[in-house]
Amino acid sequence: GDLLPADGVLIQGNDLKIDESALTGESDHVRKSLDKDPLLLSGTHVMEGSGRMVVTAVGVNSQSGIIFTLLGAAGDDEDDGRDKKG
């Protein structure tokens, strides 16, 4: 159940299965390997296996950071509309 803190590319793995439901909504665990689907995303959880990755993005530059930034921007627009009434 380790949380991935950054986006990255898998460079070594052993029967790695990831829970990506926080980002995709898909409840099935995703098998990751060097040959097929080596991308690991921040905010997801390791459910089985182990691996090493090269970090490609952190913070607001990661996929979860981009999503949170966009959600925050949408919330700010709504707040601005309410503040300007009256």
N, C-alpha and C. Protein backbone atom coordinates (compact mmCIF):
# COMPACT_ATOMS: atom_id res chain seq x y z
N GLY A 1 0.77 -1.20 0.00
CA GLY A 1 0.00 0.00 0.00
C GLY A 1 0.82 1.27 0.00
N ASP A 2 2.10 1.22 -0.43
CA ASP A 2 2.91 2.44 -0.46
C ASP A 2 2.38 3.42 -1.50
N LEU A 3 2.31 4.69 -1.12
CA LEU A 3 1.86 5.75 -2.02
C LEU A 3 3.04 6.24 -2.85
N LEU A 4 2.84 6.34 -4.17
CA LEU A 4 3.89 6.87 -5.03
C LEU A 4 3.88 8.39 -4.93
N PRO A 5 5.00 9.00 -4.54
CA PRO A 5 5.03 10.45 -4.33
C PRO A 5 5.33 11.26 -5.59
N ALA A 6 5.67 10.59 -6.70
CA ALA A 6 6.07 11.29 -7.92
C ALA A 6 5.72 10.45 -9.14
N ASP A 7 5.69 11.09 -10.31
CA ASP A 7 5.54 10.38 -11.57
C ASP A 7 6.90 9.82 -11.96
N GLY A 8 6.90 8.70 -12.67
CA GLY A 8 8.17 8.14 -13.11
C GLY A 8 8.00 7.02 -14.11
N VAL A 9 9.15 6.50 -14.54
CA VAL A 9 9.21 5.39 -15.48
C VAL A 9 9.87 4.21 -14.78
N LEU A 10 9.22 3.06 -14.83
CA LEU A 10 9.73 1.85 -14.21
C LEU A 10 11.01 1.40 -14.91
N ILE A 11 12.07 1.16 -14.14
CA ILE A 11 13.32 0.67 -14.72
C ILE A 11 13.66 -0.72 -14.22
N GLN A 12 13.02 -1.15 -13.13
CA GLN A 12 13.22 -2.50 -12.60
C GLN A 12 11.97 -2.86 -11.81
N GLY A 13 11.42 -4.04 -12.06
CA GLY A 13 10.21 -4.41 -11.35
C GLY A 13 10.06 -5.90 -11.18
N ASN A 14 9.33 -6.28 -10.14
CA ASN A 14 9.07 -7.68 -9.85
C ASN A 14 7.59 -7.84 -9.51
N ASP A 15 6.79 -8.32 -10.47
CA ASP A 15 5.36 -8.57 -10.29
C ASP A 15 4.65 -7.36 -9.67
N LEU A 16 4.86 -6.20 -10.27
CA LEU A 16 4.35 -4.93 -9.74
C LEU A 16 2.90 -4.71 -10.16
N LYS A 17 2.03 -4.49 -9.17
CA LYS A 17 0.63 -4.16 -9.43
C LYS A 17 0.29 -2.88 -8.69
N ILE A 18 -0.34 -1.96 -9.42
CA ILE A 18 -0.62 -0.62 -8.91
C ILE A 18 -2.13 -0.37 -8.87
N ASP A 19 -2.59 0.27 -7.81
CA ASP A 19 -3.98 0.70 -7.70
C ASP A 19 -4.04 2.15 -8.19
N GLU A 20 -4.59 2.36 -9.40
CA GLU A 20 -4.68 3.69 -10.00
C GLU A 20 -6.07 4.29 -9.84
N SER A 21 -6.89 3.72 -8.95
CA SER A 21 -8.28 4.17 -8.82
C SER A 21 -8.39 5.64 -8.42
N ALA A 22 -7.41 6.17 -7.71
CA ALA A 22 -7.47 7.57 -7.30
C ALA A 22 -7.44 8.51 -8.51
N LEU A 23 -6.78 8.09 -9.59
CA LEU A 23 -6.69 8.94 -10.78
C LEU A 23 -7.67 8.55 -11.87
N THR A 24 -7.89 7.24 -12.05
CA THR A 24 -8.70 6.78 -13.17
C THR A 24 -10.09 6.34 -12.79
N GLY A 25 -10.31 6.00 -11.53
CA GLY A 25 -11.59 5.46 -11.11
C GLY A 25 -11.72 3.97 -11.35
N GLU A 26 -10.75 3.38 -12.01
CA GLU A 26 -10.75 1.94 -12.30
C GLU A 26 -10.34 1.17 -11.06
N SER A 27 -11.16 0.22 -10.63
CA SER A 27 -10.90 -0.48 -9.37
C SER A 27 -9.91 -1.64 -9.52
N ASP A 28 -9.71 -2.14 -10.74
CA ASP A 28 -8.77 -3.25 -10.95
C ASP A 28 -7.34 -2.76 -10.82
N HIS A 29 -6.49 -3.60 -10.25
CA HIS A 29 -5.07 -3.27 -10.14
C HIS A 29 -4.42 -3.42 -11.51
N VAL A 30 -3.49 -2.52 -11.81
CA VAL A 30 -2.83 -2.50 -13.11
C VAL A 30 -1.43 -3.11 -12.98
N ARG A 31 -1.15 -4.11 -13.81
CA ARG A 31 0.17 -4.74 -13.82
C ARG A 31 1.13 -3.85 -14.61
N LYS A 32 2.26 -3.55 -14.01
CA LYS A 32 3.28 -2.71 -14.65
C LYS A 32 4.50 -3.56 -14.95
N SER A 33 5.11 -3.32 -16.10
CA SER A 33 6.34 -4.03 -16.46
C SER A 33 7.17 -3.12 -17.36
N LEU A 34 8.42 -3.51 -17.55
CA LEU A 34 9.31 -2.72 -18.41
C LEU A 34 8.83 -2.72 -19.85
N ASP A 35 8.27 -3.84 -20.31
CA ASP A 35 7.84 -3.97 -21.70
C ASP A 35 6.48 -3.36 -21.97
N LYS A 36 5.59 -3.41 -20.97
CA LYS A 36 4.21 -3.00 -21.18
C LYS A 36 3.78 -2.08 -20.03
N ASP A 37 3.40 -0.86 -20.34
CA ASP A 37 2.90 0.10 -19.37
C ASP A 37 3.89 0.38 -18.23
N PRO A 38 5.06 0.98 -18.53
CA PRO A 38 6.05 1.25 -17.49
C PRO A 38 5.85 2.58 -16.74
N LEU A 39 4.80 3.35 -17.07
CA LEU A 39 4.60 4.65 -16.44
C LEU A 39 3.93 4.50 -15.08
N LEU A 40 4.51 5.14 -14.08
CA LEU A 40 3.96 5.14 -12.73
C LEU A 40 3.56 6.57 -12.39
N LEU A 41 2.39 6.72 -11.78
CA LEU A 41 1.85 8.05 -11.53
C LEU A 41 1.73 8.34 -10.04
N SER A 42 2.03 9.58 -9.67
CA SER A 42 1.92 9.98 -8.27
C SER A 42 0.47 9.88 -7.82
N GLY A 43 0.29 9.61 -6.53
CA GLY A 43 -1.05 9.48 -5.98
C GLY A 43 -1.63 8.10 -6.09
N THR A 44 -0.90 7.18 -6.75
CA THR A 44 -1.36 5.80 -6.86
C THR A 44 -0.65 4.95 -5.81
N HIS A 45 -1.18 3.75 -5.56
CA HIS A 45 -0.64 2.89 -4.51
C HIS A 45 -0.09 1.58 -5.07
N VAL A 46 1.06 1.15 -4.54
CA VAL A 46 1.63 -0.15 -4.88
C VAL A 46 0.88 -1.20 -4.07
N MET A 47 0.28 -2.17 -4.75
CA MET A 47 -0.50 -3.20 -4.06
C MET A 47 0.26 -4.52 -3.95
N GLU A 48 1.08 -4.83 -4.94
CA GLU A 48 1.87 -6.06 -4.93
C GLU A 48 3.20 -5.80 -5.62
N GLY A 49 4.19 -6.59 -5.26
CA GLY A 49 5.48 -6.55 -5.92
C GLY A 49 6.35 -5.40 -5.46
N SER A 50 7.40 -5.18 -6.25
CA SER A 50 8.36 -4.13 -5.94
C SER A 50 8.95 -3.60 -7.24
N GLY A 51 9.60 -2.46 -7.15
CA GLY A 51 10.20 -1.90 -8.35
C GLY A 51 11.01 -0.66 -8.05
N ARG A 52 11.72 -0.21 -9.08
CA ARG A 52 12.47 1.04 -9.04
C ARG A 52 12.06 1.86 -10.24
N MET A 53 12.05 3.18 -10.03
CA MET A 53 11.67 4.05 -11.14
C MET A 53 12.58 5.26 -11.20
N VAL A 54 12.63 5.85 -12.38
CA VAL A 54 13.30 7.13 -12.58
C VAL A 54 12.21 8.19 -12.48
N VAL A 55 12.36 9.14 -11.58
CA VAL A 55 11.36 10.19 -11.37
C VAL A 55 11.40 11.16 -12.54
N THR A 56 10.20 11.44 -13.08
CA THR A 56 10.09 12.36 -14.21
C THR A 56 9.36 13.66 -13.85
N ALA A 57 8.55 13.65 -12.79
CA ALA A 57 7.83 14.87 -12.39
C ALA A 57 7.42 14.78 -10.93
N VAL A 58 7.46 15.93 -10.25
CA VAL A 58 7.05 16.00 -8.85
C VAL A 58 6.15 17.23 -8.65
N GLY A 59 5.43 17.24 -7.53
CA GLY A 59 4.62 18.40 -7.16
C GLY A 59 3.60 18.78 -8.20
N VAL A 60 3.50 20.08 -8.51
CA VAL A 60 2.48 20.56 -9.45
C VAL A 60 2.73 20.10 -10.88
N ASN A 61 3.91 19.60 -11.17
CA ASN A 61 4.22 19.10 -12.52
C ASN A 61 3.82 17.64 -12.71
N SER A 62 3.48 16.94 -11.64
CA SER A 62 3.06 15.54 -11.75
C SER A 62 1.60 15.48 -12.20
N GLN A 63 1.14 14.30 -12.61
CA GLN A 63 -0.24 14.16 -13.06
C GLN A 63 -1.24 14.53 -11.97
N SER A 64 -1.01 14.07 -10.75
CA SER A 64 -1.95 14.42 -9.68
C SER A 64 -1.85 15.91 -9.35
N GLY A 65 -0.66 16.50 -9.44
CA GLY A 65 -0.50 17.93 -9.22
C GLY A 65 -1.24 18.76 -10.24
N ILE A 66 -1.20 18.32 -11.49
CA ILE A 66 -1.92 19.01 -12.57
C ILE A 66 -3.42 18.95 -12.31
N ILE A 67 -3.90 17.77 -11.91
CA ILE A 67 -5.33 17.62 -11.63
C ILE A 67 -5.74 18.52 -10.48
N PHE A 68 -4.97 18.52 -9.39
CA PHE A 68 -5.30 19.37 -8.25
C PHE A 68 -5.27 20.85 -8.62
N THR A 69 -4.33 21.24 -9.46
CA THR A 69 -4.24 22.63 -9.91
C THR A 69 -5.47 23.01 -10.71
N LEU A 70 -5.88 22.13 -11.62
CA LEU A 70 -7.08 22.40 -12.42
C LEU A 70 -8.33 22.45 -11.55
N LEU A 71 -8.44 21.56 -10.59
CA LEU A 71 -9.58 21.59 -9.67
C LEU A 71 -9.59 22.86 -8.84
N GLY A 72 -8.43 23.29 -8.41
CA GLY A 72 -8.32 24.53 -7.65
C GLY A 72 -8.70 25.74 -8.48
N ALA A 73 -8.31 25.74 -9.76
CA ALA A 73 -8.65 26.85 -10.65
C ALA A 73 -10.15 26.91 -10.87
N ALA A 74 -10.80 25.75 -11.01
CA ALA A 74 -12.25 25.71 -11.19
C ALA A 74 -12.94 26.24 -9.94
N GLY A 75 -12.43 25.89 -8.77
CA GLY A 75 -13.01 26.36 -7.52
C GLY A 75 -12.85 27.85 -7.35
N ASP A 76 -11.73 28.41 -7.80
CA ASP A 76 -11.50 29.85 -7.70
C ASP A 76 -12.47 30.62 -8.57
N ASP A 77 -12.78 30.10 -9.77
CA ASP A 77 -13.73 30.76 -10.66
C ASP A 77 -15.10 30.84 -10.01
N GLU A 78 -15.51 29.76 -9.37
CA GLU A 78 -16.81 29.74 -8.70
C GLU A 78 -16.83 30.74 -7.55
N ASP A 79 -15.75 30.80 -6.79
CA ASP A 79 -15.68 31.73 -5.67
C ASP A 79 -15.73 33.18 -6.15
N ASP A 80 -15.05 33.48 -7.27
CA ASP A 80 -15.02 34.83 -7.80
C ASP A 80 -16.43 35.28 -8.18
N GLY A 81 -17.21 34.39 -8.75
CA GLY A 81 -18.57 34.71 -9.15
C GLY A 81 -19.43 35.05 -7.95
N ARG A 82 -19.24 34.36 -6.86
CA ARG A 82 -20.04 34.61 -5.66
C ARG A 82 -19.60 35.90 -4.96
N ASP A 83 -18.32 36.22 -5.03
CA ASP A 83 -17.82 37.41 -4.33
C ASP A 83 -18.27 38.69 -5.01
N LYS A 84 -18.56 38.65 -6.31
CA LYS A 84 -18.88 39.86 -7.06
C LYS A 84 -20.36 40.19 -7.04
N LYS A 85 -21.17 39.39 -6.36
CA LYS A 85 -22.61 39.68 -6.31
C LYS A 85 -22.88 40.89 -5.43
N GLY A 86 -23.88 41.64 -5.84
CA GLY A 86 -24.40 42.69 -5.01
C GLY A 86 -23.63 43.92 -5.03
